[in-house]
Amino acid sequence: MSNFLEPVDVCGCGDEGYLSIRTLPVDLAHGVGQIHRVPVYHCRSNTCPEYTVPDAVARRLEILAEEMEAERSLEKEFNWTDPDRRNRDRDPGGRKDARESLVQAFTLKFISREYEDARVVFVAPGQSVFLQSVPDPTEFYLLRYEPEEGAADAKFSVSKFYADDPILDFAAFAVGEPDGVFLKELALLALEEVEDALLDEFGPVKG
């Protein structure tokens, strides 16, 4: 079964849901625990308490709960660590799957993140991250995975563009630029360079 998530699905209230993060309770043999930063779909309404847990996330939560019981712990941060990754890395198809899983996990880290001068407004898992400038709300930045056959490292391009919000359709933008939007590419970075580059550009992460 695939672990890959869609950027938009349905909130628990029935409205359109966007990827967000929640701390969820989990029943354990030794008590009630918590798993932090769990990807869920939410409609973004401040008054809506509902959400939907993606099937792939629900399966992963079961595994994490088993790990917590074995460790006798009550808190854990959600992750996509794959215990079979070393076996899959032995064949080209496995390496590709591992790369895609790594990129998805990396992009999911940015959900709801806020920097001093920018905030993440949309994440297309395994594809792209959109950030909106705080000083100038019409200024956006696109962090996009650039798959390259045979490349040793995962690469991300960083581009800048201007657009009116909230009319911008980020879900459509994730697969192709809309008419009238000009992307100015600023950099091409290896995955391990991205975090530092964003901190240099936008300042420290809030919270």
C-alpha atoms as a PDB file:
ATOM      1  CA  MET A   1       0.000   0.000   0.000  1.00  0.00           C
ATOM      2  CA  SER A   2       1.203   3.491  -0.854  1.00  0.00           C
ATOM      3  CA  ASN A   3       2.257   5.920   1.868  1.00  0.00           C
ATOM      4  CA  PHE A   4       2.030   8.919  -0.420  1.00  0.00           C
ATOM      5  CA  LEU A   5      -0.428  11.643   0.570  1.00  0.00           C
ATOM      6  CA  GLU A   6      -2.493  13.983  -1.562  1.00  0.00           C
ATOM      7  CA  PRO A   7      -2.244  17.696  -0.726  1.00  0.00           C
ATOM      8  CA  VAL A   8      -6.038  18.094  -0.552  1.00  0.00           C
ATOM      9  CA  ASP A   9      -8.742  15.668   0.592  1.00  0.00           C
ATOM     10  CA  VAL A  10     -11.785  15.898   2.880  1.00  0.00           C
ATOM     11  CA  CYS A  11     -11.957  17.296   6.399  1.00  0.00           C
ATOM     12  CA  GLY A  12     -13.930  15.355   8.996  1.00  0.00           C
ATOM     13  CA  CYS A  13     -16.690  17.976   8.712  1.00  0.00           C
ATOM     14  CA  GLY A  14     -17.177  17.179   5.020  1.00  0.00           C
ATOM     15  CA  ASP A  15     -15.579  20.338   3.621  1.00  0.00           C
ATOM     16  CA  GLU A  16     -12.393  20.401   1.580  1.00  0.00           C
ATOM     17  CA  GLY A  17      -9.458  19.488   3.786  1.00  0.00           C
ATOM     18  CA  TYR A  18      -5.842  20.602   3.547  1.00  0.00           C
ATOM     19  CA  LEU A  19      -2.852  18.929   5.115  1.00  0.00           C
ATOM     20  CA  SER A  20      -2.298  20.157   8.636  1.00  0.00           C
ATOM     21  CA  ILE A  21      -0.669  18.700  11.737  1.00  0.00           C
ATOM     22  CA  ARG A  22      -2.144  17.637  15.044  1.00  0.00           C
ATOM     23  CA  THR A  23      -1.049  16.023  18.277  1.00  0.00           C
ATOM     24  CA  LEU A  24      -3.206  12.917  18.613  1.00  0.00           C
ATOM     25  CA  PRO A  25      -3.862  10.772  21.693  1.00  0.00           C
ATOM     26  CA  VAL A  26      -3.079   7.070  21.488  1.00  0.00           C
ATOM     27  CA  ASP A  27      -4.248   4.303  23.818  1.00  0.00           C
ATOM     28  CA  LEU A  28      -1.323   2.256  25.089  1.00  0.00           C
ATOM     29  CA  ALA A  29      -1.097  -0.708  27.422  1.00  0.00           C
ATOM     30  CA  HIS A  30       0.691   1.474  29.984  1.00  0.00           C
ATOM     31  CA  GLY A  31      -1.489   4.588  29.637  1.00  0.00           C
ATOM     32  CA  VAL A  32      -2.652   7.283  27.234  1.00  0.00           C
ATOM     33  CA  GLY A  33       0.149   8.632  25.065  1.00  0.00           C
ATOM     34  CA  GLN A  34       0.530  11.361  22.474  1.00  0.00           C
ATOM     35  CA  ILE A  35       1.979  11.387  18.978  1.00  0.00           C
ATOM     36  CA  HIS A  36       2.999  14.845  17.804  1.00  0.00           C
ATOM     37  CA  ARG A  37       3.001  16.398  14.320  1.00  0.00           C
ATOM     38  CA  VAL A  38       0.601  13.884  12.788  1.00  0.00           C
ATOM     39  CA  PRO A  39      -0.487  14.800   9.215  1.00  0.00           C
ATOM     40  CA  VAL A  40      -4.273  15.188   8.969  1.00  0.00           C
ATOM     41  CA  TYR A  41      -6.731  16.888   6.631  1.00  0.00           C
ATOM     42  CA  HIS A  42      -8.482  19.961   8.061  1.00  0.00           C
ATOM     43  CA  CYS A  43     -10.701  22.617   6.496  1.00  0.00           C
ATOM     44  CA  ARG A  44      -8.682  25.445   8.118  1.00  0.00           C
ATOM     45  CA  SER A  45     -11.709  26.828   9.938  1.00  0.00           C
ATOM     46  CA  ASN A  46     -10.744  28.023  13.412  1.00  0.00           C
ATOM     47  CA  THR A  47     -14.087  26.802  14.747  1.00  0.00           C
ATOM     48  CA  CYS A  48     -13.954  23.284  13.254  1.00  0.00           C
ATOM     49  CA  PRO A  49     -12.792  20.562  15.664  1.00  0.00           C
ATOM     50  CA  GLU A  50     -13.011  17.813  13.027  1.00  0.00           C
ATOM     51  CA  TYR A  51     -10.240  16.352  10.873  1.00  0.00           C
ATOM     52  CA  THR A  52      -9.499  13.260   8.811  1.00  0.00           C
ATOM     53  CA  VAL A  53      -6.519  10.964   9.348  1.00  0.00           C
ATOM     54  CA  PRO A  54      -5.214   9.632   5.990  1.00  0.00           C
ATOM     55  CA  ASP A  55      -5.195   5.834   5.688  1.00  0.00           C
ATOM     56  CA  ALA A  56      -1.409   5.698   5.293  1.00  0.00           C
ATOM     57  CA  VAL A  57      -0.998   7.820   8.415  1.00  0.00           C
ATOM     58  CA  ALA A  58      -3.403   5.608  10.383  1.00  0.00           C
ATOM     59  CA  ARG A  59      -1.343   2.542   9.467  1.00  0.00           C
ATOM     60  CA  ARG A  60       1.836   4.290  10.557  1.00  0.00           C
ATOM     61  CA  LEU A  61       0.222   5.363  13.848  1.00  0.00           C
ATOM     62  CA  GLU A  62      -0.434   1.710  14.692  1.00  0.00           C
ATOM     63  CA  ILE A  63       3.255   0.909  14.191  1.00  0.00           C
ATOM     64  CA  LEU A  64       4.340   3.909  16.255  1.00  0.00           C
ATOM     65  CA  ALA A  65       1.967   2.877  19.050  1.00  0.00           C
ATOM     66  CA  GLU A  66       3.577  -0.573  19.106  1.00  0.00           C
ATOM     67  CA  GLU A  67       7.010   1.062  19.322  1.00  0.00           C
ATOM     68  CA  MET A  68       5.847   3.246  22.212  1.00  0.00           C
ATOM     69  CA  GLU A  69       4.559   0.226  24.089  1.00  0.00           C
ATOM     70  CA  ALA A  70       7.856  -1.585  23.572  1.00  0.00           C
ATOM     71  CA  GLU A  71       9.738   1.516  24.777  1.00  0.00           C
ATOM     72  CA  ARG A  72       7.242   2.209  27.595  1.00  0.00           C
ATOM     73  CA  SER A  73       7.108   5.812  26.364  1.00  0.00           C
ATOM     74  CA  LEU A  74       4.135   8.179  26.355  1.00  0.00           C
ATOM     75  CA  GLU A  75       5.249  10.669  23.679  1.00  0.00           C
ATOM     76  CA  LYS A  76       6.606  10.341  20.174  1.00  0.00           C
ATOM     77  CA  GLU A  77       6.941  12.489  17.070  1.00  0.00           C
ATOM     78  CA  PHE A  78       5.327  11.158  13.912  1.00  0.00           C
ATOM     79  CA  ASN A  79       7.808   9.855  11.344  1.00  0.00           C
ATOM     80  CA  TRP A  80       7.889   7.763   8.197  1.00  0.00           C
ATOM     81  CA  THR A  81      11.000   5.734   9.050  1.00  0.00           C
ATOM     82  CA  ASP A  82      10.875   2.510   7.078  1.00  0.00           C
ATOM     83  CA  PRO A  83      12.506  -0.508   8.786  1.00  0.00           C
ATOM     84  CA  ASP A  84      12.776  -2.297   5.415  1.00  0.00           C
ATOM     85  CA  ARG A  85      14.567   0.568   3.719  1.00  0.00           C
ATOM     86  CA  ARG A  86      17.980  -1.109   3.703  1.00  0.00           C
ATOM     87  CA  ASN A  87      16.549  -4.118   1.888  1.00  0.00           C
ATOM     88  CA  ARG A  88      14.806  -1.932  -0.677  1.00  0.00           C
ATOM     89  CA  ASP A  89      17.967   0.088  -1.271  1.00  0.00           C
ATOM     90  CA  ARG A  90      19.598  -2.987  -2.826  1.00  0.00           C
ATOM     91  CA  ASP A  91      17.660  -2.652  -6.077  1.00  0.00           C
ATOM     92  CA  PRO A  92      17.082   0.406  -8.312  1.00  0.00           C
ATOM     93  CA  GLY A  93      13.319   0.347  -7.809  1.00  0.00           C
ATOM     94  CA  GLY A  94      13.798   0.228  -4.064  1.00  0.00           C
ATOM     95  CA  ARG A  95      16.211   3.152  -4.153  1.00  0.00           C
ATOM     96  CA  LYS A  96      13.680   5.207  -6.123  1.00  0.00           C
ATOM     97  CA  ASP A  97      10.912   4.390  -3.639  1.00  0.00           C
ATOM     98  CA  ALA A  98      13.224   5.253  -0.748  1.00  0.00           C
ATOM     99  CA  ARG A  99      14.110   8.591  -2.371  1.00  0.00           C
ATOM    100  CA  GLU A 100      10.442   9.451  -2.905  1.00  0.00           C
ATOM    101  CA  SER A 101       9.608   8.482   0.681  1.00  0.00           C
ATOM    102  CA  LEU A 102      12.468  10.645   1.935  1.00  0.00           C
ATOM    103  CA  VAL A 103      11.289  13.634  -0.103  1.00  0.00           C
ATOM    104  CA  GLN A 104       7.695  13.240   1.081  1.00  0.00           C
ATOM    105  CA  ALA A 105       8.769  13.036   4.722  1.00  0.00           C
ATOM    106  CA  PHE A 106      10.946  16.109   4.216  1.00  0.00           C
ATOM    107  CA  THR A 107       8.183  18.213   2.663  1.00  0.00           C
ATOM    108  CA  LEU A 108       5.682  17.159   5.339  1.00  0.00           C
ATOM    109  CA  LYS A 109       7.979  18.690   7.973  1.00  0.00           C
ATOM    110  CA  PHE A 110       7.017  22.124   6.664  1.00  0.00           C
ATOM    111  CA  ILE A 111       3.270  21.859   7.297  1.00  0.00           C
ATOM    112  CA  SER A 112       2.086  24.892   9.316  1.00  0.00           C
ATOM    113  CA  ARG A 113       5.653  26.156   9.770  1.00  0.00           C
ATOM    114  CA  GLU A 114       6.138  29.874  10.356  1.00  0.00           C
ATOM    115  CA  TYR A 115       9.384  31.780   9.995  1.00  0.00           C
ATOM    116  CA  GLU A 116       9.984  35.325  11.156  1.00  0.00           C
ATOM    117  CA  ASP A 117       9.456  36.697   7.633  1.00  0.00           C
ATOM    118  CA  ALA A 118       7.416  33.973   5.898  1.00  0.00           C
ATOM    119  CA  ARG A 119       4.832  31.298   6.554  1.00  0.00           C
ATOM    120  CA  VAL A 120       4.131  28.009   4.807  1.00  0.00           C
ATOM    121  CA  VAL A 121       0.715  28.227   3.133  1.00  0.00           C
ATOM    122  CA  PHE A 122       0.538  24.959   1.194  1.00  0.00           C
ATOM    123  CA  VAL A 123       2.389  21.649   0.966  1.00  0.00           C
ATOM    124  CA  ALA A 124       2.085  19.137  -1.864  1.00  0.00           C
ATOM    125  CA  PRO A 125       3.734  16.087  -0.235  1.00  0.00           C
ATOM    126  CA  GLY A 126       6.781  14.862  -2.088  1.00  0.00           C
ATOM    127  CA  GLN A 127       6.498  17.721  -4.583  1.00  0.00           C
ATOM    128  CA  SER A 128       6.513  21.284  -3.330  1.00  0.00           C
ATOM    129  CA  VAL A 129       6.223  23.757  -0.476  1.00  0.00           C
ATOM    130  CA  PHE A 130       4.721  27.236  -0.892  1.00  0.00           C
ATOM    131  CA  LEU A 131       5.717  30.078   1.409  1.00  0.00           C
ATOM    132  CA  GLN A 132       4.138  33.522   1.660  1.00  0.00           C
ATOM    133  CA  SER A 133       6.107  36.590   2.690  1.00  0.00           C
ATOM    134  CA  VAL A 134       4.951  38.248   5.907  1.00  0.00           C
ATOM    135  CA  PRO A 135       6.118  41.795   5.005  1.00  0.00           C
ATOM    136  CA  ASP A 136       4.603  41.537   1.484  1.00  0.00           C
ATOM    137  CA  PRO A 137       1.633  39.109   1.246  1.00  0.00           C
ATOM    138  CA  THR A 138       1.736  39.216  -2.581  1.00  0.00           C
ATOM    139  CA  GLU A 139       5.252  37.739  -2.564  1.00  0.00           C
ATOM    140  CA  PHE A 140       5.523  33.949  -2.623  1.00  0.00           C
ATOM    141  CA  TYR A 141       8.312  31.403  -2.718  1.00  0.00           C
ATOM    142  CA  LEU A 142       8.125  27.921  -4.202  1.00  0.00           C
ATOM    143  CA  LEU A 143      10.350  25.118  -2.955  1.00  0.00           C
ATOM    144  CA  ARG A 144      10.000  22.303  -5.489  1.00  0.00           C
ATOM    145  CA  TYR A 145      11.531  18.848  -5.737  1.00  0.00           C
ATOM    146  CA  GLU A 146      13.406  18.390  -9.004  1.00  0.00           C
ATOM    147  CA  PRO A 147      13.703  14.644  -9.696  1.00  0.00           C
ATOM    148  CA  GLU A 148      16.796  13.728 -11.654  1.00  0.00           C
ATOM    149  CA  GLU A 149      17.486  10.201 -12.849  1.00  0.00           C
ATOM    150  CA  GLY A 150      20.667   8.817 -11.326  1.00  0.00           C
ATOM    151  CA  ALA A 151      21.329  11.855  -9.120  1.00  0.00           C
ATOM    152  CA  ALA A 152      23.168  11.123  -5.885  1.00  0.00           C
ATOM    153  CA  ASP A 153      21.145  13.649  -3.867  1.00  0.00           C
ATOM    154  CA  ALA A 154      17.584  14.949  -3.923  1.00  0.00           C
ATOM    155  CA  LYS A 155      17.508  18.463  -5.375  1.00  0.00           C
ATOM    156  CA  PHE A 156      15.082  21.306  -4.730  1.00  0.00           C
ATOM    157  CA  SER A 157      14.646  24.480  -6.731  1.00  0.00           C
ATOM    158  CA  VAL A 158      13.720  27.718  -4.972  1.00  0.00           C
ATOM    159  CA  SER A 159      11.699  30.231  -6.989  1.00  0.00           C
ATOM    160  CA  LYS A 160      10.001  33.533  -6.271  1.00  0.00           C
ATOM    161  CA  PHE A 161       6.767  34.877  -7.734  1.00  0.00           C
ATOM    162  CA  TYR A 162       4.032  37.410  -7.086  1.00  0.00           C
ATOM    163  CA  ALA A 163       0.304  36.656  -6.932  1.00  0.00           C
ATOM    164  CA  ASP A 164      -2.903  37.677  -5.228  1.00  0.00           C
ATOM    165  CA  ASP A 165      -3.996  35.548  -2.299  1.00  0.00           C
ATOM    166  CA  PRO A 166      -6.362  33.750  -1.764  1.00  0.00           C
ATOM    167  CA  ILE A 167      -7.274  33.407  -5.457  1.00  0.00           C
ATOM    168  CA  LEU A 168      -4.117  31.402  -6.137  1.00  0.00           C
ATOM    169  CA  ASP A 169      -4.901  27.705  -6.649  1.00  0.00           C
ATOM    170  CA  PHE A 170      -1.936  26.051  -4.949  1.00  0.00           C
ATOM    171  CA  ALA A 171      -3.096  22.508  -5.727  1.00  0.00           C
ATOM    172  CA  ALA A 172      -3.112  23.273  -9.457  1.00  0.00           C
ATOM    173  CA  PHE A 173       0.125  25.234  -9.139  1.00  0.00           C
ATOM    174  CA  ALA A 174       1.837  22.165  -7.688  1.00  0.00           C
ATOM    175  CA  VAL A 175       1.618  20.458 -11.086  1.00  0.00           C
ATOM    176  CA  GLY A 176       1.996  23.465 -13.392  1.00  0.00           C
ATOM    177  CA  GLU A 177       2.293  27.246 -13.269  1.00  0.00           C
ATOM    178  CA  PRO A 178      -0.981  29.120 -13.874  1.00  0.00           C
ATOM    179  CA  ASP A 179      -1.223  31.724 -16.623  1.00  0.00           C
ATOM    180  CA  GLY A 180       0.101  35.139 -15.704  1.00  0.00           C
ATOM    181  CA  VAL A 181       2.493  33.938 -12.998  1.00  0.00           C
ATOM    182  CA  PHE A 182       6.197  34.365 -13.662  1.00  0.00           C
ATOM    183  CA  LEU A 183       8.607  32.215 -11.668  1.00  0.00           C
ATOM    184  CA  LYS A 184      12.079  33.570 -11.027  1.00  0.00           C
ATOM    185  CA  GLU A 185      14.391  30.735 -10.016  1.00  0.00           C
ATOM    186  CA  LEU A 186      16.718  31.750  -7.201  1.00  0.00           C
ATOM    187  CA  ALA A 187      18.648  28.587  -6.401  1.00  0.00           C
ATOM    188  CA  LEU A 188      18.990  24.843  -6.824  1.00  0.00           C
ATOM    189  CA  LEU A 189      19.778  23.156  -3.515  1.00  0.00           C
ATOM    190  CA  ALA A 190      20.562  19.694  -2.231  1.00  0.00           C
ATOM    191  CA  LEU A 191      18.032  18.476   0.328  1.00  0.00           C
ATOM    192  CA  GLU A 192      20.465  18.927   3.209  1.00  0.00           C
ATOM    193  CA  GLU A 193      21.019  22.577   2.212  1.00  0.00           C
ATOM    194  CA  VAL A 194      17.357  23.597   2.182  1.00  0.00           C
ATOM    195  CA  GLU A 195      16.762  24.116   5.906  1.00  0.00           C
ATOM    196  CA  ASP A 196      19.758  26.431   6.359  1.00  0.00           C
ATOM    197  CA  ALA A 197      18.919  28.372   3.201  1.00  0.00           C
ATOM    198  CA  LEU A 198      15.365  29.052   4.395  1.00  0.00           C
ATOM    199  CA  LEU A 199      16.591  30.120   7.822  1.00  0.00           C
ATOM    200  CA  ASP A 200      19.063  32.506   6.193  1.00  0.00           C
ATOM    201  CA  GLU A 201      16.335  33.953   3.964  1.00  0.00           C
ATOM    202  CA  PHE A 202      13.366  34.137   6.346  1.00  0.00           C
ATOM    203  CA  GLY A 203      14.813  34.115   9.854  1.00  0.00           C
ATOM    204  CA  PRO A 204      14.170  31.713  12.737  1.00  0.00           C
ATOM    205  CA  VAL A 205      11.205  29.358  12.963  1.00  0.00           C
ATOM    206  CA  LYS A 206       8.495  30.503  15.364  1.00  0.00           C
ATOM    207  CA  GLY A 207       7.257  28.292  18.167  1.00  0.00           C
END
